Amino acid sequence: MEFSSKLLENAVYEMSQLPGIGKRTALRLVLHLLKQPQDQTRRLSGSLLQMRESINFCKNCHNISDVVLCEICSNPNRNERLVCVVEDIRDVMAIENTSQYRGHYHVLGGKISPMDGVGPGELNISSLVEKVKTGSIDELIFALSSTMEGDTTNFFIFKQVEPYNITTTTIARGIAVGDELEYADEVTLGRSIVNRIPFESSLKSS
């Protein structure tokens, strides 16, 4: 792809680094921005820069937050002894949209995937196990996607918390094998939370 401007080329290159954005789509987006008032582009770049520099991760659940403790963890009406284990913020948003869950979350920041160089040490697993050890949690709900990596991560955490007196459940398989939570419809996802099953039962049926 030939460019008449180095500035344009640089902008297209940076835009194409975003997931799902190829060079042609990046060019279309950059040309669109060129047609917009400069103030709009300043607001866009300013909001992205402010987000990158100022955003926090909740000290309790590792969810993305504007403050030290996210709105969910600081809400006294949520059940802090019920914790749903998810991969990232997209899963938190998907489950929250169902209005069927009133507990807390624990965001792992990914799934165990040796092929991608992601081991347990790269995820927020140790902090979850520490919370279990303190006796502050009654039930863990495993809500990772039903993929090999998701199942491996569930099983690893299960073995870590098995010695402690805690209930471990997993969302019902209304979510098709291989599906990501963020793409599930709200009704199906809500039912899978409500109709969760003991984690050990999922091991026997798999």
Protein backbone atom coordinates (compact mmCIF):
# COMPACT_ATOMS: atom_id res chain seq x y z
CA MET A 1 0.00 0.00 0.00
CA GLU A 2 1.60 3.26 -1.17
CA PHE A 3 1.06 6.48 0.81
CA SER A 4 1.46 10.05 -0.35
CA SER A 5 2.10 11.17 3.23
CA LYS A 6 4.34 9.71 5.92
CA LEU A 7 1.99 11.13 8.57
CA LEU A 8 -0.91 9.26 6.97
CA GLU A 9 1.14 6.08 6.74
CA ASN A 10 2.11 6.27 10.42
CA ALA A 11 -1.50 6.83 11.49
CA VAL A 12 -2.72 3.89 9.38
CA TYR A 13 0.01 1.66 10.78
CA GLU A 14 -0.88 2.47 14.41
CA MET A 15 -4.60 2.00 13.74
CA SER A 16 -3.94 -1.38 12.08
CA GLN A 17 -2.33 -2.65 15.30
CA LEU A 18 -5.80 -2.87 16.87
CA PRO A 19 -7.34 -6.38 16.85
CA GLY A 20 -9.53 -7.07 13.85
CA ILE A 21 -8.35 -3.96 12.00
CA GLY A 22 -6.52 -4.58 8.73
CA LYS A 23 -4.62 -2.00 6.67
CA ARG A 24 -7.61 -1.16 4.44
CA THR A 25 -9.99 -0.72 7.37
CA ALA A 26 -7.36 1.34 9.18
CA LEU A 27 -7.01 3.59 6.13
CA ARG A 28 -10.78 4.08 5.95
CA LEU A 29 -10.92 5.02 9.64
CA VAL A 30 -8.02 7.44 9.39
CA LEU A 31 -9.49 9.13 6.31
CA HIS A 32 -12.79 9.42 8.18
CA LEU A 33 -11.00 11.19 11.06
CA LEU A 34 -9.39 13.58 8.58
CA LYS A 35 -12.86 14.69 7.47
CA GLN A 36 -14.02 15.38 11.02
CA PRO A 37 -13.47 18.63 12.95
CA GLN A 38 -10.10 18.72 14.73
CA ASP A 39 -11.84 19.05 18.10
CA GLN A 40 -13.44 15.63 17.63
CA THR A 41 -10.07 14.02 16.93
CA ARG A 42 -8.59 15.80 19.96
CA ARG A 43 -11.38 14.47 22.17
CA LEU A 44 -10.84 10.93 20.85
CA SER A 45 -7.07 11.00 21.34
CA GLY A 46 -7.45 12.74 24.70
CA SER A 47 -9.91 10.18 26.03
CA LEU A 48 -7.68 7.29 24.93
CA LEU A 49 -4.62 8.87 26.52
CA GLN A 50 -6.48 9.67 29.75
CA MET A 51 -7.83 6.11 29.93
CA ARG A 52 -4.36 4.63 29.43
CA GLU A 53 -2.70 6.87 31.99
CA SER A 54 -5.37 7.08 34.70
CA ILE A 55 -7.35 3.83 34.69
CA ASN A 56 -7.10 1.54 37.72
CA PHE A 57 -7.63 -2.14 38.42
CA CYS A 58 -9.84 -2.92 41.40
CA LYS A 59 -7.65 -4.06 44.30
CA ASN A 60 -10.22 -6.68 45.25
CA CYS A 61 -11.38 -8.26 41.99
CA HIS A 62 -8.95 -6.88 39.34
CA ASN A 63 -11.81 -5.43 37.31
CA ILE A 64 -11.09 -2.24 35.37
CA SER A 65 -12.15 0.75 37.46
CA ASP A 66 -11.82 4.52 37.78
CA VAL A 67 -11.08 4.18 41.50
CA VAL A 68 -9.23 1.80 43.83
CA LEU A 69 -12.34 -0.29 44.57
CA CYS A 70 -14.78 -0.85 41.70
CA GLU A 71 -18.50 -0.07 41.95
CA ILE A 72 -19.43 -3.75 42.23
CA CYS A 73 -17.05 -4.51 45.09
CA SER A 74 -18.01 -1.33 46.95
CA ASN A 75 -21.76 -2.00 46.62
CA PRO A 76 -23.07 -3.16 50.04
CA ASN A 77 -26.03 -4.85 48.34
CA ARG A 78 -23.78 -7.35 46.56
CA ASN A 79 -23.00 -10.73 48.13
CA GLU A 80 -19.23 -10.62 48.71
CA ARG A 81 -19.13 -14.29 49.74
CA LEU A 82 -20.25 -15.40 46.26
CA VAL A 83 -17.50 -14.92 43.66
CA CYS A 84 -17.77 -15.49 39.91
CA VAL A 85 -14.43 -16.25 38.24
CA VAL A 86 -14.15 -14.75 34.74
CA GLU A 87 -11.49 -14.15 32.13
CA ASP A 88 -11.78 -10.39 31.60
CA ILE A 89 -13.98 -7.30 31.83
CA ARG A 90 -16.02 -8.31 28.78
CA ASP A 91 -17.33 -11.30 30.73
CA VAL A 92 -18.21 -9.09 33.71
CA MET A 93 -20.19 -6.82 31.38
CA ALA A 94 -21.95 -9.78 29.74
CA ILE A 95 -23.01 -11.29 33.08
CA GLU A 96 -24.06 -7.92 34.52
CA ASN A 97 -26.32 -7.38 31.50
CA THR A 98 -28.33 -10.47 32.50
CA SER A 99 -29.35 -8.90 35.87
CA GLN A 100 -29.29 -12.45 37.28
CA TYR A 101 -26.14 -12.23 39.40
CA ARG A 102 -25.66 -10.25 42.62
CA GLY A 103 -22.30 -11.49 43.86
CA HIS A 104 -18.73 -10.32 43.33
CA TYR A 105 -16.29 -11.20 40.55
CA HIS A 106 -12.66 -12.20 40.23
CA VAL A 107 -11.06 -11.25 36.91
CA LEU A 108 -8.19 -13.56 35.99
CA GLY A 109 -6.89 -11.48 33.10
CA GLY A 110 -6.82 -14.45 30.71
CA LYS A 111 -6.74 -18.25 30.60
CA ILE A 112 -3.96 -20.77 31.03
CA SER A 113 -2.59 -21.38 27.54
CA PRO A 114 0.88 -22.98 27.28
CA MET A 115 0.81 -22.55 23.50
CA ASP A 116 0.63 -18.78 24.01
CA GLY A 117 3.10 -18.75 26.89
CA VAL A 118 0.42 -18.01 29.49
CA GLY A 119 0.86 -19.96 32.69
CA PRO A 120 -0.82 -19.67 36.12
CA GLY A 121 1.79 -17.12 37.21
CA GLU A 122 0.66 -14.67 34.52
CA LEU A 123 -2.94 -14.70 35.79
CA ASN A 124 -4.64 -13.36 38.93
CA ILE A 125 -4.94 -16.82 40.46
CA SER A 126 -2.80 -16.51 43.59
CA SER A 127 -4.87 -13.58 44.92
CA LEU A 128 -8.04 -15.66 44.43
CA VAL A 129 -6.58 -18.61 46.32
CA GLU A 130 -5.52 -16.25 49.13
CA LYS A 131 -9.10 -14.98 49.44
CA VAL A 132 -10.34 -18.57 49.65
CA LYS A 133 -7.78 -19.34 52.37
CA THR A 134 -9.08 -16.49 54.54
CA GLY A 135 -12.54 -18.08 54.59
CA SER A 136 -14.17 -14.97 53.12
CA ILE A 137 -15.78 -16.86 50.22
CA ASP A 138 -18.56 -19.45 50.40
CA GLU A 139 -18.85 -20.29 46.70
CA LEU A 140 -16.75 -19.93 43.58
CA ILE A 141 -18.58 -19.94 40.24
CA PHE A 142 -16.37 -20.84 37.29
CA ALA A 143 -17.60 -18.81 34.32
CA LEU A 144 -14.79 -19.16 31.81
CA SER A 145 -15.50 -19.96 28.18
CA SER A 146 -16.03 -23.66 27.47
CA THR A 147 -12.79 -24.13 25.56
CA MET A 148 -9.82 -26.37 26.32
CA GLU A 149 -7.99 -23.39 27.83
CA GLY A 150 -11.03 -22.43 29.90
CA ASP A 151 -11.50 -25.97 31.20
CA THR A 152 -7.78 -26.25 32.01
CA THR A 153 -7.91 -23.01 33.99
CA ASN A 154 -11.04 -24.10 35.86
CA PHE A 155 -9.46 -27.40 36.82
CA PHE A 156 -6.20 -25.77 37.94
CA ILE A 157 -8.05 -23.37 40.26
CA PHE A 158 -10.30 -26.18 41.50
CA LYS A 159 -7.26 -28.22 42.57
CA GLN A 160 -5.82 -25.16 44.31
CA VAL A 161 -8.94 -24.52 46.43
CA GLU A 162 -10.04 -28.15 46.88
CA PRO A 163 -8.41 -28.51 50.34
CA TYR A 164 -10.58 -25.70 51.73
CA ASN A 165 -14.22 -25.84 52.76
CA ILE A 166 -15.71 -24.05 49.76
CA THR A 167 -18.42 -24.80 47.21
CA THR A 168 -17.25 -24.76 43.59
CA THR A 169 -19.78 -24.59 40.76
CA THR A 170 -19.70 -23.93 37.04
CA ILE A 171 -22.21 -22.28 34.74
CA ALA A 172 -24.63 -24.69 33.09
CA ARG A 173 -23.71 -25.73 29.57
CA GLY A 174 -26.37 -23.60 27.95
CA ILE A 175 -23.28 -21.99 26.48
CA ALA A 176 -22.10 -24.09 23.55
CA VAL A 177 -18.66 -25.68 23.79
CA GLY A 178 -16.07 -23.31 22.36
CA ASP A 179 -18.24 -20.22 22.80
CA GLU A 180 -17.06 -17.03 24.50
CA LEU A 181 -19.36 -15.54 27.16
CA GLU A 182 -19.43 -12.10 25.57
CA TYR A 183 -21.22 -13.52 22.50
CA ALA A 184 -23.91 -15.42 24.42
CA ASP A 185 -27.38 -13.91 24.48
CA GLU A 186 -28.46 -12.48 27.84
CA VAL A 187 -31.27 -14.98 28.47
CA THR A 188 -29.06 -18.03 27.85
CA LEU A 189 -26.20 -16.61 29.91
CA GLY A 190 -28.56 -15.63 32.74
CA ARG A 191 -30.03 -19.13 32.88
CA SER A 192 -26.56 -20.69 32.85
CA ILE A 193 -25.69 -18.67 35.96
CA VAL A 194 -28.92 -19.45 37.79
CA ASN A 195 -28.80 -23.16 36.87
CA ARG A 196 -25.11 -23.62 37.68
CA ILE A 197 -23.97 -27.11 38.67
CA PRO A 198 -21.30 -28.47 41.06
CA PHE A 199 -17.92 -28.31 39.38
CA GLU A 200 -17.13 -31.95 40.20
CA SER A 201 -20.26 -33.00 38.28
CA SER A 202 -18.92 -31.22 35.19
CA LEU A 203 -15.73 -33.25 35.46
CA LYS A 204 -17.66 -36.51 35.45
CA SER A 205 -19.74 -35.51 32.43
CA SER A 206 -16.83 -34.24 30.33
